[in-house]
Structures are given as C-alpha cells and as structure tokens.
Amino acid sequence: MSLVTTLKHLEEARKIVLDGHRDLLSQRKLVERMEQKGRTADRELLLLEHLEKMQVRYVAHLDRLEKRLMDAVRPD
C-alpha cells in the first residue's frame, strides 16, 4: 500500500474510531437512563455489547495502519 493510500486510510480510520467512541458514550447513557427508570434495557445492552466489540476491531485496525505508516517513514 502506498504512503498516500495509507494516510487516507488512517484519516478514515481515525474518524471511524472517534464516531464509534461517540456512539458508545451515547448508548451507555441510554442504557443508564433506562435502568434508572426501571425499564428493561436488554436490546440496548446487546447493541452496546456489539458496539464495544466493533470499537475494539476499529481501534486494532487503526493501530495497524499507524504501524504501517511508521514502518513506511522510518529510515532503514
């Protein structure tokens, strides 16, 4: 993968991770509000678990891209 392509992918991955973080916070707040009101939040908890798993994958991908970039610019 070229350096330019890696940089584009890195930019996209950073945005996805930030968006995922925002979505996780929002979902956690929703679950918390529902539980405080005594409402069942089973579906919301399942979605939260799914979002957390996806975020782990997104962060791992971002880490790989950052490593690839560092390897590409590191002098031999």
Protein backbone atom coordinates (compact mmCIF):
# COMPACT_ATOMS: atom_id res chain seq x y z
CA MET A 1 0.00 0.00 0.00
CA SER A 2 1.39 3.39 -0.93
CA LEU A 3 2.10 6.06 1.65
CA VAL A 4 -0.67 8.27 0.25
CA THR A 5 -3.19 5.42 0.44
CA THR A 6 -2.11 4.58 3.98
CA LEU A 7 -2.56 8.21 5.02
CA LYS A 8 -6.06 8.30 3.52
CA HIS A 9 -6.99 5.06 5.27
CA LEU A 10 -5.52 6.37 8.52
CA GLU A 11 -7.64 9.53 8.29
CA GLU A 12 -10.78 7.48 7.67
CA ALA A 13 -9.94 5.05 10.49
CA ARG A 14 -9.42 7.89 12.96
CA LYS A 15 -12.83 9.32 12.07
CA ILE A 16 -14.48 5.92 12.48
CA VAL A 17 -12.85 5.43 15.90
CA LEU A 18 -13.97 8.89 17.03
CA ASP A 19 -17.50 8.29 15.77
CA GLY A 20 -17.53 4.90 17.48
CA HIS A 21 -16.43 6.47 20.75
CA ARG A 22 -19.26 8.99 20.49
CA ASP A 23 -21.77 6.24 19.73
CA LEU A 24 -20.57 4.17 22.68
CA LEU A 25 -20.98 7.09 25.07
CA SER A 26 -24.46 7.76 23.75
CA GLN A 27 -25.52 4.13 24.06
CA ARG A 28 -24.09 3.85 27.58
CA LYS A 29 -26.06 6.92 28.62
CA LEU A 30 -29.22 5.49 27.11
CA VAL A 31 -28.80 2.20 28.99
CA GLU A 32 -28.09 4.07 32.21
CA ARG A 33 -31.20 6.26 31.84
CA MET A 34 -33.39 3.26 31.11
CA GLU A 35 -32.05 1.35 34.09
CA GLN A 36 -32.55 4.36 36.37
CA LYS A 37 -36.18 4.47 35.27
CA GLY A 38 -36.55 0.77 36.00
CA ARG A 39 -37.06 -0.11 32.35
CA THR A 40 -35.70 -3.22 30.69
CA ALA A 41 -32.70 -2.39 28.51
CA ASP A 42 -31.92 -5.84 27.12
CA ARG A 43 -31.89 -4.81 23.46
CA GLU A 44 -29.96 -1.66 24.24
CA LEU A 45 -27.38 -3.69 26.18
CA LEU A 46 -27.00 -6.09 23.27
CA LEU A 47 -26.40 -3.16 20.95
CA LEU A 48 -23.90 -1.71 23.41
CA GLU A 49 -22.00 -5.01 23.51
CA HIS A 50 -21.97 -5.11 19.71
CA LEU A 51 -20.70 -1.53 19.52
CA GLU A 52 -17.96 -2.29 22.04
CA LYS A 53 -16.80 -5.31 20.03
CA MET A 54 -16.78 -3.29 16.83
CA GLN A 55 -14.84 -0.49 18.50
CA VAL A 56 -12.14 -2.96 19.55
CA ARG A 57 -11.82 -4.04 15.92
CA TYR A 58 -11.74 -0.44 14.68
CA VAL A 59 -9.03 0.53 17.16
CA ALA A 60 -6.97 -2.54 16.24
CA HIS A 61 -7.23 -1.59 12.57
CA LEU A 62 -6.19 1.98 13.38
CA ASP A 63 -3.19 0.65 15.30
CA ARG A 64 -2.17 -1.49 12.33
CA LEU A 65 -2.42 1.49 9.98
CA GLU A 66 -0.35 3.65 12.33
CA LYS A 67 2.30 0.92 12.50
CA ARG A 68 2.29 0.61 8.71
CA LEU A 69 2.77 4.37 8.41
CA MET A 70 5.62 4.39 10.91
CA ASP A 71 7.28 1.48 9.09
CA ALA A 72 6.93 3.35 5.78
CA VAL A 73 8.55 6.58 7.01
CA ARG A 74 11.20 5.03 9.26
CA PRO A 75 14.66 5.28 7.72
CA ASP A 76 16.39 1.97 7.08
